[in-house]
Amino acid sequence: MAKVLVFGAGPLGSLFAAKLKESGHEISILARGHRLSDIREHGIVLFDEMTKQQTITSIAAVDIKRLTRTRDLIVLAVRTIRAGKRIDPGWQQDNPIALGRL
């Protein structure tokens, strides 16, 4: 089981976080504003258009002020790589970071 931080709580980040949690990993997701409080209160809610089924996954939502460096992997799931500037440079030494272009 890996400790994973998903950096970004939009549609793609939420999907990654929920699927990784379903696979047995310890997941936290970085969110802000209303999305942070929504995830804390309701979890991540996914709706499958094909099956018309809704799933709710309880995931630890954190804000950037409460990040710790104890992760096996950080997944950047944000629209722009500029968001990576918010990550403490020490994270890059302590954690592998998965980058993708969205």
PDB file of N, CA and C in Angstrom:
ATOM      1  N   MET A   1       0.841  -1.171   0.000  1.00  0.00           N
ATOM      2  CA  MET A   1       0.000   0.000   0.000  1.00  0.00           C
ATOM      3  C   MET A   1       0.893   1.242   0.000  1.00  0.00           C
ATOM      4  N   ALA A   2       0.655   2.117  -0.947  1.00  0.00           N
ATOM      5  CA  ALA A   2       1.434   3.350  -1.060  1.00  0.00           C
ATOM      6  C   ALA A   2       0.677   4.513  -0.432  1.00  0.00           C
ATOM      7  N   LYS A   3       1.435   5.459   0.124  1.00  0.00           N
ATOM      8  CA  LYS A   3       0.864   6.711   0.611  1.00  0.00           C
ATOM      9  C   LYS A   3       0.976   7.714  -0.527  1.00  0.00           C
ATOM     10  N   VAL A   4      -0.171   8.157  -1.047  1.00  0.00           N
ATOM     11  CA  VAL A   4      -0.196   9.012  -2.228  1.00  0.00           C
ATOM     12  C   VAL A   4      -0.931  10.310  -1.911  1.00  0.00           C
ATOM     13  N   LEU A   5      -0.362  11.418  -2.375  1.00  0.00           N
ATOM     14  CA  LEU A   5      -1.039  12.708  -2.325  1.00  0.00           C
ATOM     15  C   LEU A   5      -1.429  13.083  -3.742  1.00  0.00           C
ATOM     16  N   VAL A   6      -2.706  13.348  -3.962  1.00  0.00           N
ATOM     17  CA  VAL A   6      -3.171  13.854  -5.250  1.00  0.00           C
ATOM     18  C   VAL A   6      -3.277  15.371  -5.102  1.00  0.00           C
ATOM     19  N   PHE A   7      -2.482  16.077  -5.893  1.00  0.00           N
ATOM     20  CA  PHE A   7      -2.400  17.543  -5.838  1.00  0.00           C
ATOM     21  C   PHE A   7      -3.378  18.084  -6.863  1.00  0.00           C
ATOM     22  N   GLY A   8      -4.582  18.408  -6.425  1.00  0.00           N
ATOM     23  CA  GLY A   8      -5.623  18.906  -7.322  1.00  0.00           C
ATOM     24  C   GLY A   8      -6.891  18.098  -7.165  1.00  0.00           C
ATOM     25  N   ALA A   9      -7.986  18.766  -6.807  1.00  0.00           N
ATOM     26  CA  ALA A   9      -9.241  18.076  -6.515  1.00  0.00           C
ATOM     27  C   ALA A   9     -10.311  18.341  -7.565  1.00  0.00           C
ATOM     28  N   GLY A  10      -9.867  18.625  -8.789  1.00  0.00           N
ATOM     29  CA  GLY A  10     -10.820  18.783  -9.883  1.00  0.00           C
ATOM     30  C   GLY A  10     -11.319  17.421 -10.337  1.00  0.00           C
ATOM     31  N   PRO A  11     -11.979  17.357 -11.482  1.00  0.00           N
ATOM     32  CA  PRO A  11     -12.537  16.088 -11.948  1.00  0.00           C
ATOM     33  C   PRO A  11     -11.496  14.975 -12.099  1.00  0.00           C
ATOM     34  N   LEU A  12     -10.367  15.271 -12.717  1.00  0.00           N
ATOM     35  CA  LEU A  12      -9.369  14.223 -12.933  1.00  0.00           C
ATOM     36  C   LEU A  12      -8.670  13.826 -11.637  1.00  0.00           C
ATOM     37  N   GLY A  13      -8.293  14.797 -10.830  1.00  0.00           N
ATOM     38  CA  GLY A  13      -7.663  14.492  -9.548  1.00  0.00           C
ATOM     39  C   GLY A  13      -8.583  13.693  -8.643  1.00  0.00           C
ATOM     40  N   SER A  14      -9.857  14.054  -8.628  1.00  0.00           N
ATOM     41  CA  SER A  14     -10.832  13.329  -7.813  1.00  0.00           C
ATOM     42  C   SER A  14     -10.993  11.895  -8.298  1.00  0.00           C
ATOM     43  N   LEU A  15     -11.028  11.707  -9.611  1.00  0.00           N
ATOM     44  CA  LEU A  15     -11.131  10.358 -10.166  1.00  0.00           C
ATOM     45  C   LEU A  15      -9.906   9.528  -9.801  1.00  0.00           C
ATOM     46  N   PHE A  16      -8.706  10.088 -10.000  1.00  0.00           N
ATOM     47  CA  PHE A  16      -7.478   9.374  -9.616  1.00  0.00           C
ATOM     48  C   PHE A  16      -7.507   8.991  -8.145  1.00  0.00           C
ATOM     49  N   ALA A  17      -7.853   9.955  -7.291  1.00  0.00           N
ATOM     50  CA  ALA A  17      -7.855   9.713  -5.848  1.00  0.00           C
ATOM     51  C   ALA A  17      -8.822   8.591  -5.477  1.00  0.00           C
ATOM     52  N   ALA A  18     -10.027   8.630  -6.021  1.00  0.00           N
ATOM     53  CA  ALA A  18     -11.027   7.606  -5.698  1.00  0.00           C
ATOM     54  C   ALA A  18     -10.584   6.229  -6.181  1.00  0.00           C
ATOM     55  N   LYS A  19     -10.065   6.145  -7.388  1.00  0.00           N
ATOM     56  CA  LYS A  19      -9.649   4.845  -7.934  1.00  0.00           C
ATOM     57  C   LYS A  19      -8.434   4.291  -7.194  1.00  0.00           C
ATOM     58  N   LEU A  20      -7.489   5.157  -6.830  1.00  0.00           N
ATOM     59  CA  LEU A  20      -6.334   4.696  -6.054  1.00  0.00           C
ATOM     60  C   LEU A  20      -6.765   4.211  -4.676  1.00  0.00           C
ATOM     61  N   LYS A  21      -7.718   4.900  -4.061  1.00  0.00           N
ATOM     62  CA  LYS A  21      -8.233   4.477  -2.751  1.00  0.00           C
ATOM     63  C   LYS A  21      -8.926   3.121  -2.872  1.00  0.00           C
ATOM     64  N   GLU A  22      -9.728   2.941  -3.927  1.00  0.00           N
ATOM     65  CA  GLU A  22     -10.402   1.656  -4.156  1.00  0.00           C
ATOM     66  C   GLU A  22      -9.396   0.526  -4.350  1.00  0.00           C
ATOM     67  N   SER A  23      -8.206   0.862  -4.836  1.00  0.00           N
ATOM     68  CA  SER A  23      -7.158  -0.144  -5.051  1.00  0.00           C
ATOM     69  C   SER A  23      -6.379  -0.454  -3.777  1.00  0.00           C
ATOM     70  N   GLY A  24      -6.736   0.202  -2.673  1.00  0.00           N
ATOM     71  CA  GLY A  24      -6.126  -0.125  -1.399  1.00  0.00           C
ATOM     72  C   GLY A  24      -5.020   0.799  -0.931  1.00  0.00           C
ATOM     73  N   HIS A  25      -4.790   1.887  -1.644  1.00  0.00           N
ATOM     74  CA  HIS A  25      -3.732   2.818  -1.253  1.00  0.00           C
ATOM     75  C   HIS A  25      -4.245   3.837  -0.235  1.00  0.00           C
ATOM     76  N   GLU A  26      -3.318   4.397   0.527  1.00  0.00           N
ATOM     77  CA  GLU A  26      -3.651   5.448   1.488  1.00  0.00           C
ATOM     78  C   GLU A  26      -3.569   6.779   0.752  1.00  0.00           C
ATOM     79  N   ILE A  27      -4.710   7.414   0.564  1.00  0.00           N
ATOM     80  CA  ILE A  27      -4.797   8.590  -0.299  1.00  0.00           C
ATOM     81  C   ILE A  27      -5.190   9.825   0.496  1.00  0.00           C
ATOM     82  N   SER A  28      -4.562  10.935   0.147  1.00  0.00           N
ATOM     83  CA  SER A  28      -5.054  12.239   0.578  1.00  0.00           C
ATOM     84  C   SER A  28      -5.084  13.115  -0.669  1.00  0.00           C
ATOM     85  N   ILE A  29      -5.963  14.086  -0.649  1.00  0.00           N
ATOM     86  CA  ILE A  29      -6.124  14.951  -1.813  1.00  0.00           C
ATOM     87  C   ILE A  29      -6.008  16.404  -1.366  1.00  0.00           C
ATOM     88  N   LEU A  30      -5.250  17.175  -2.119  1.00  0.00           N
ATOM     89  CA  LEU A  30      -5.071  18.592  -1.821  1.00  0.00           C
ATOM     90  C   LEU A  30      -6.203  19.362  -2.479  1.00  0.00           C
ATOM     91  N   ALA A  31      -6.950  20.090  -1.678  1.00  0.00           N
ATOM     92  CA  ALA A  31      -8.083  20.858  -2.194  1.00  0.00           C
ATOM     93  C   ALA A  31      -8.075  22.227  -1.528  1.00  0.00           C
ATOM     94  N   ARG A  32      -8.932  23.105  -2.020  1.00  0.00           N
ATOM     95  CA  ARG A  32      -9.034  24.432  -1.419  1.00  0.00           C
ATOM     96  C   ARG A  32     -10.473  24.929  -1.506  1.00  0.00           C
ATOM     97  N   GLY A  33     -10.774  25.916  -0.707  1.00  0.00           N
ATOM     98  CA  GLY A  33     -12.084  26.561  -0.748  1.00  0.00           C
ATOM     99  C   GLY A  33     -13.241  25.613  -0.511  1.00  0.00           C
ATOM    100  N   HIS A  34     -14.288  25.818  -1.304  1.00  0.00           N
ATOM    101  CA  HIS A  34     -15.498  25.009  -1.155  1.00  0.00           C
ATOM    102  C   HIS A  34     -15.244  23.536  -1.446  1.00  0.00           C
ATOM    103  N   ARG A  35     -14.347  23.256  -2.358  1.00  0.00           N
ATOM    104  CA  ARG A  35     -14.062  21.851  -2.702  1.00  0.00           C
ATOM    105  C   ARG A  35     -13.462  21.122  -1.503  1.00  0.00           C
ATOM    106  N   LEU A  36     -12.600  21.779  -0.756  1.00  0.00           N
ATOM    107  CA  LEU A  36     -12.009  21.185   0.439  1.00  0.00           C
ATOM    108  C   LEU A  36     -13.102  20.810   1.435  1.00  0.00           C
ATOM    109  N   SER A  37     -13.996  21.738   1.720  1.00  0.00           N
ATOM    110  CA  SER A  37     -15.061  21.437   2.684  1.00  0.00           C
ATOM    111  C   SER A  37     -16.038  20.403   2.139  1.00  0.00           C
ATOM    112  N   ASP A  38     -16.316  20.416   0.831  1.00  0.00           N
ATOM    113  CA  ASP A  38     -17.209  19.412   0.232  1.00  0.00           C
ATOM    114  C   ASP A  38     -16.647  18.001   0.382  1.00  0.00           C
ATOM    115  N   ILE A  39     -15.355  17.837   0.094  1.00  0.00           N
ATOM    116  CA  ILE A  39     -14.745  16.506   0.198  1.00  0.00           C
ATOM    117  C   ILE A  39     -14.713  16.055   1.650  1.00  0.00           C
ATOM    118  N   ARG A  40     -14.399  16.958   2.545  1.00  0.00           N
ATOM    119  CA  ARG A  40     -14.377  16.592   3.966  1.00  0.00           C
ATOM    120  C   ARG A  40     -15.758  16.172   4.456  1.00  0.00           C
ATOM    121  N   GLU A  41     -16.785  16.846   3.984  1.00  0.00           N
ATOM    122  CA  GLU A  41     -18.143  16.557   4.454  1.00  0.00           C
ATOM    123  C   GLU A  41     -18.792  15.380   3.728  1.00  0.00           C
ATOM    124  N   HIS A  42     -18.597  15.290   2.412  1.00  0.00           N
ATOM    125  CA  HIS A  42     -19.334  14.311   1.617  1.00  0.00           C
ATOM    126  C   HIS A  42     -18.475  13.235   0.960  1.00  0.00           C
ATOM    127  N   GLY A  43     -17.151  13.381   0.989  1.00  0.00           N
ATOM    128  CA  GLY A  43     -16.285  12.461   0.255  1.00  0.00           C
ATOM    129  C   GLY A  43     -16.252  12.842  -1.215  1.00  0.00           C
ATOM    130  N   ILE A  44     -15.640  11.985  -2.011  1.00  0.00           N
ATOM    131  CA  ILE A  44     -15.609  12.209  -3.459  1.00  0.00           C
ATOM    132  C   ILE A  44     -16.764  11.430  -4.069  1.00  0.00           C
ATOM    133  N   VAL A  45     -17.624  12.142  -4.757  1.00  0.00           N
ATOM    134  CA  VAL A  45     -18.816  11.545  -5.351  1.00  0.00           C
ATOM    135  C   VAL A  45     -18.575  11.412  -6.850  1.00  0.00           C
ATOM    136  N   LEU A  46     -18.629  10.174  -7.340  1.00  0.00           N
ATOM    137  CA  LEU A  46     -18.461   9.908  -8.771  1.00  0.00           C
ATOM    138  C   LEU A  46     -19.758   9.331  -9.320  1.00  0.00           C
ATOM    139  N   PHE A  47     -20.102   9.729 -10.534  1.00  0.00           N
ATOM    140  CA  PHE A  47     -21.292   9.209 -11.198  1.00  0.00           C
ATOM    141  C   PHE A  47     -20.871   8.596 -12.517  1.00  0.00           C
ATOM    142  N   ASP A  48     -21.219   7.325 -12.709  1.00  0.00           N
ATOM    143  CA  ASP A  48     -20.898   6.609 -13.941  1.00  0.00           C
ATOM    144  C   ASP A  48     -22.069   6.765 -14.906  1.00  0.00           C
ATOM    145  N   GLU A  49     -21.848   7.484 -15.991  1.00  0.00           N
ATOM    146  CA  GLU A  49     -22.905   7.725 -16.979  1.00  0.00           C
ATOM    147  C   GLU A  49     -23.422   6.440 -17.613  1.00  0.00           C
ATOM    148  N   MET A  50     -22.537   5.472 -17.810  1.00  0.00           N
ATOM    149  CA  MET A  50     -22.957   4.236 -18.481  1.00  0.00           C
ATOM    150  C   MET A  50     -23.857   3.381 -17.594  1.00  0.00           C
ATOM    151  N   THR A  51     -23.481   3.230 -16.327  1.00  0.00           N
ATOM    152  CA  THR A  51     -24.253   2.362 -15.432  1.00  0.00           C
ATOM    153  C   THR A  51     -25.277   3.130 -14.611  1.00  0.00           C
ATOM    154  N   LYS A  52     -25.184   4.452 -14.633  1.00  0.00           N
ATOM    155  CA  LYS A  52     -26.056   5.329 -13.845  1.00  0.00           C
ATOM    156  C   LYS A  52     -25.893   5.098 -12.346  1.00  0.00           C
ATOM    157  N   GLN A  53     -24.710   4.624 -11.940  1.00  0.00           N
ATOM    158  CA  GLN A  53     -24.447   4.386 -10.527  1.00  0.00           C
ATOM    159  C   GLN A  53     -23.551   5.480  -9.964  1.00  0.00           C
ATOM    160  N   GLN A  54     -23.823   5.810  -8.725  1.00  0.00           N
ATOM    161  CA  GLN A  54     -23.034   6.803  -8.009  1.00  0.00           C
ATOM    162  C   GLN A  54     -22.221   6.099  -6.931  1.00  0.00           C
ATOM    163  N   THR A  55     -20.953   6.495  -6.787  1.00  0.00           N
ATOM    164  CA  THR A  55     -20.126   5.969  -5.704  1.00  0.00           C
ATOM    165  C   THR A  55     -19.597   7.140  -4.880  1.00  0.00           C
ATOM    166  N   ILE A  56     -19.474   6.894  -3.598  1.00  0.00           N
ATOM    167  CA  ILE A  56     -18.933   7.898  -2.690  1.00  0.00           C
ATOM    168  C   ILE A  56     -17.716   7.294  -2.015  1.00  0.00           C
ATOM    169  N   THR A  57     -16.590   7.981  -2.117  1.00  0.00           N
ATOM    170  CA  THR A  57     -15.337   7.505  -1.534  1.00  0.00           C
ATOM    171  C   THR A  57     -14.868   8.504  -0.487  1.00  0.00           C
ATOM    172  N   SER A  58     -14.675   8.017   0.721  1.00  0.00           N
ATOM    173  CA  SER A  58     -14.180   8.866   1.803  1.00  0.00           C
ATOM    174  C   SER A  58     -12.664   8.996   1.680  1.00  0.00           C
ATOM    175  N   ILE A  59     -12.189  10.230   1.545  1.00  0.00           N
ATOM    176  CA  ILE A  59     -10.760  10.490   1.350  1.00  0.00           C
ATOM    177  C   ILE A  59     -10.356  11.669   2.228  1.00  0.00           C
ATOM    178  N   ALA A  60      -9.162  11.592   2.787  1.00  0.00           N
ATOM    179  CA  ALA A  60      -8.643  12.698   3.594  1.00  0.00           C
ATOM    180  C   ALA A  60      -8.335  13.880   2.683  1.00  0.00           C
ATOM    181  N   ALA A  61      -9.001  14.996   2.922  1.00  0.00           N
ATOM    182  CA  ALA A  61      -8.753  16.219   2.154  1.00  0.00           C
ATOM    183  C   ALA A  61      -7.903  17.152   3.005  1.00  0.00           C
ATOM    184  N   VAL A  62      -6.839  17.680   2.411  1.00  0.00           N
ATOM    185  CA  VAL A  62      -5.927  18.565   3.135  1.00  0.00           C
ATOM    186  C   VAL A  62      -5.770  19.874   2.372  1.00  0.00           C
ATOM    187  N   ASP A  63      -5.422  20.920   3.110  1.00  0.00           N
ATOM    188  CA  ASP A  63      -5.091  22.168   2.430  1.00  0.00           C
ATOM    189  C   ASP A  63      -3.575  22.317   2.414  1.00  0.00           C
ATOM    190  N   ILE A  64      -3.103  23.230   1.621  1.00  0.00           N
ATOM    191  CA  ILE A  64      -1.662  23.337   1.384  1.00  0.00           C
ATOM    192  C   ILE A  64      -0.888  23.700   2.651  1.00  0.00           C
ATOM    193  N   LYS A  65      -1.546  24.306   3.608  1.00  0.00           N
ATOM    194  CA  LYS A  65      -0.877  24.694   4.852  1.00  0.00           C
ATOM    195  C   LYS A  65      -0.602  23.505   5.762  1.00  0.00           C
ATOM    196  N   ARG A  66      -1.266  22.384   5.512  1.00  0.00           N
ATOM    197  CA  ARG A  66      -1.123  21.230   6.405  1.00  0.00           C
ATOM    198  C   ARG A  66      -0.460  20.028   5.730  1.00  0.00           C
ATOM    199  N   LEU A  67       0.277  20.274   4.689  1.00  0.00           N
ATOM    200  CA  LEU A  67       0.948  19.174   4.003  1.00  0.00           C
ATOM    201  C   LEU A  67       2.116  18.657   4.826  1.00  0.00           C
ATOM    202  N   THR A  68       2.314  17.367   4.763  1.00  0.00           N
ATOM    203  CA  THR A  68       3.501  16.760   5.363  1.00  0.00           C
ATOM    204  C   THR A  68       4.296  16.106   4.242  1.00  0.00           C
ATOM    205  N   ARG A  69       5.517  15.764   4.517  1.00  0.00           N
ATOM    206  CA  ARG A  69       6.377  15.193   3.471  1.00  0.00           C
ATOM    207  C   ARG A  69       6.402  13.673   3.483  1.00  0.00           C
ATOM    208  N   THR A  70       5.529  13.045   4.179  1.00  0.00           N
ATOM    209  CA  THR A  70       5.577  11.590   4.282  1.00  0.00           C
ATOM    210  C   THR A  70       4.641  10.951   3.260  1.00  0.00           C
ATOM    211  N   ARG A  71       5.040  10.965   2.011  1.00  0.00           N
ATOM    212  CA  ARG A  71       4.267  10.353   0.929  1.00  0.00           C
ATOM    213  C   ARG A  71       5.211   9.519   0.072  1.00  0.00           C
ATOM    214  N   ASP A  72       4.682   8.448  -0.496  1.00  0.00           N
ATOM    215  CA  ASP A  72       5.471   7.649  -1.425  1.00  0.00           C
ATOM    216  C   ASP A  72       5.429   8.243  -2.829  1.00  0.00           C
ATOM    217  N   LEU A  73       4.345   8.969  -3.121  1.00  0.00           N
ATOM    218  CA  LEU A  73       4.156   9.522  -4.465  1.00  0.00           C
ATOM    219  C   LEU A  73       3.248  10.740  -4.379  1.00  0.00           C
ATOM    220  N   ILE A  74       3.540  11.743  -5.196  1.00  0.00           N
ATOM    221  CA  ILE A  74       2.661  12.897  -5.362  1.00  0.00           C
ATOM    222  C   ILE A  74       2.205  12.896  -6.816  1.00  0.00           C
ATOM    223  N   VAL A  75       0.902  12.953  -7.032  1.00  0.00           N
ATOM    224  CA  VAL A  75       0.343  13.023  -8.378  1.00  0.00           C
ATOM    225  C   VAL A  75      -0.158  14.448  -8.588  1.00  0.00           C
ATOM    226  N   LEU A  76       0.425  15.154  -9.558  1.00  0.00           N
ATOM    227  CA  LEU A  76      -0.042  16.501  -9.886  1.00  0.00           C
ATOM    228  C   LEU A  76      -1.167  16.381 -10.905  1.00  0.00           C
ATOM    229  N   ALA A  77      -2.363  16.688 -10.482  1.00  0.00           N
ATOM    230  CA  ALA A  77      -3.536  16.594 -11.354  1.00  0.00           C
ATOM    231  C   ALA A  77      -4.157  17.984 -11.455  1.00  0.00           C
ATOM    232  N   VAL A  78      -3.415  18.887 -12.070  1.00  0.00           N
ATOM    233  CA  VAL A  78      -3.846  20.276 -12.193  1.00  0.00           C
ATOM    234  C   VAL A  78      -3.705  20.715 -13.645  1.00  0.00           C
ATOM    235  N   ARG A  79      -4.386  21.784 -13.997  1.00  0.00           N
ATOM    236  CA  ARG A  79      -4.377  22.240 -15.383  1.00  0.00           C
ATOM    237  C   ARG A  79      -3.064  22.852 -15.823  1.00  0.00           C
ATOM    238  N   THR A  80      -2.342  23.420 -14.925  1.00  0.00           N
ATOM    239  CA  THR A  80      -1.112  24.094 -15.315  1.00  0.00           C
ATOM    240  C   THR A  80       0.042  23.693 -14.412  1.00  0.00           C
ATOM    241  N   ILE A  81       1.186  23.561 -14.992  1.00  0.00           N
ATOM    242  CA  ILE A  81       2.366  23.151 -14.239  1.00  0.00           C
ATOM    243  C   ILE A  81       2.796  24.241 -13.258  1.00  0.00           C
ATOM    244  N   ARG A  82       2.303  25.463 -13.446  1.00  0.00           N
ATOM    245  CA  ARG A  82       2.643  26.544 -12.512  1.00  0.00           C
ATOM    246  C   ARG A  82       2.229  26.206 -11.088  1.00  0.00           C
ATOM    247  N   ALA A  83       1.221  25.385 -10.933  1.00  0.00           N
ATOM    248  CA  ALA A  83       0.790  24.999  -9.587  1.00  0.00           C
ATOM    249  C   ALA A  83       1.897  24.259  -8.861  1.00  0.00           C
ATOM    250  N   GLY A  84       2.805  23.660  -9.606  1.00  0.00           N
ATOM    251  CA  GLY A  84       3.927  22.969  -8.998  1.00  0.00           C
ATOM    252  C   GLY A  84       4.827  23.899  -8.208  1.00  0.00           C
ATOM    253  N   LYS A  85       4.762  25.184  -8.498  1.00  0.00           N
ATOM    254  CA  LYS A  85       5.561  26.161  -7.753  1.00  0.00           C
ATOM    255  C   LYS A  85       5.127  26.246  -6.297  1.00  0.00           C
ATOM    256  N   ARG A  86       3.919  25.801  -6.004  1.00  0.00           N
ATOM    257  CA  ARG A  86       3.434  25.834  -4.628  1.00  0.00           C
ATOM    258  C   ARG A  86       4.034  24.719  -3.782  1.00  0.00           C
ATOM    259  N   ILE A  87       4.609  23.735  -4.417  1.00  0.00           N
ATOM    260  CA  ILE A  87       5.185  22.626  -3.669  1.00  0.00           C
ATOM    261  C   ILE A  87       6.531  23.052  -3.112  1.00  0.00           C
ATOM    262  N   ASP A  88       6.717  22.812  -1.855  1.00  0.00           N
ATOM    263  CA  ASP A  88       7.989  23.095  -1.183  1.00  0.00           C
ATOM    264  C   ASP A  88       9.098  22.364  -1.933  1.00  0.00           C
ATOM    265  N   PRO A  89      10.200  23.028  -2.274  1.00  0.00           N
ATOM    266  CA  PRO A  89      11.288  22.365  -3.002  1.00  0.00           C
ATOM    267  C   PRO A  89      11.787  21.094  -2.321  1.00  0.00           C
ATOM    268  N   GLY A  90      11.674  21.012  -1.017  1.00  0.00           N
ATOM    269  CA  GLY A  90      12.089  19.808  -0.304  1.00  0.00           C
ATOM    270  C   GLY A  90      11.282  18.585  -0.675  1.00  0.00           C
ATOM    271  N   TRP A  91      10.059  18.803  -1.156  1.00  0.00           N
ATOM    272  CA  TRP A  91       9.226  17.667  -1.572  1.00  0.00           C
ATOM    273  C   TRP A  91       9.891  16.904  -2.708  1.00  0.00           C
ATOM    274  N   GLN A  92      10.527  17.615  -3.599  1.00  0.00           N
ATOM    275  CA  GLN A  92      11.129  16.970  -4.757  1.00  0.00           C
ATOM    276  C   GLN A  92      12.253  16.038  -4.354  1.00  0.00           C
ATOM    277  N   GLN A  93      12.903  16.301  -3.253  1.00  0.00           N
ATOM    278  CA  GLN A  93      13.969  15.427  -2.778  1.00  0.00           C
ATOM    279  C   GLN A  93      13.408  14.235  -2.025  1.00  0.00           C
ATOM    280  N   ASP A  94      12.282  14.428  -1.368  1.00  0.00           N
ATOM    281  CA  ASP A  94      11.739  13.403  -0.490  1.00  0.00           C
ATOM    282  C   ASP A  94      10.698  12.497  -1.140  1.00  0.00           C
ATOM    283  N   ASN A  95      10.100  12.911  -2.247  1.00  0.00           N
ATOM    284  CA  ASN A  95       8.974  12.184  -2.827  1.00  0.00           C
ATOM    285  C   ASN A  95       9.059  12.145  -4.347  1.00  0.00           C
ATOM    286  N   PRO A  96       8.750  10.995  -4.943  1.00  0.00           N
ATOM    287  CA  PRO A  96       8.599  10.980  -6.397  1.00  0.00           C
ATOM    288  C   PRO A  96       7.351  11.776  -6.778  1.00  0.00           C
ATOM    289  N   ILE A  97       7.424  12.517  -7.860  1.00  0.00           N
ATOM    290  CA  ILE A  97       6.287  13.310  -8.318  1.00  0.00           C
ATOM    291  C   ILE A  97       5.916  12.854  -9.722  1.00  0.00           C
ATOM    292  N   ALA A  98       4.639  12.486  -9.903  1.00  0.00           N
ATOM    293  CA  ALA A  98       4.138  12.088 -11.216  1.00  0.00           C
ATOM    294  C   ALA A  98       3.535  13.316 -11.872  1.00  0.00           C
ATOM    295  N   LEU A  99       4.027  13.668 -13.048  1.00  0.00           N
ATOM    296  CA  LEU A  99       3.544  14.831 -13.772  1.00  0.00           C
ATOM    297  C   LEU A  99       2.791  14.388 -15.008  1.00  0.00           C
ATOM    298  N   GLY A 100       1.785  15.131 -15.340  1.00  0.00           N
ATOM    299  CA  GLY A 100       1.055  14.888 -16.571  1.00  0.00           C
ATOM    300  C   GLY A 100       0.551  16.212 -17.084  1.00  0.00           C
ATOM    301  N   ARG A 101       0.257  16.288 -18.332  1.00  0.00           N
ATOM    302  CA  ARG A 101      -0.256  17.535 -18.893  1.00  0.00           C
ATOM    303  C   ARG A 101      -1.755  17.399 -19.062  1.00  0.00           C
ATOM    304  N   LEU A 102      -2.497  18.300 -18.447  1.00  0.00           N
ATOM    305  CA  LEU A 102      -3.957  18.261 -18.514  1.00  0.00           C
ATOM    306  C   LEU A 102      -4.468  19.404 -19.338  1.00  0.00           C
TER     307      LEU A 102
END
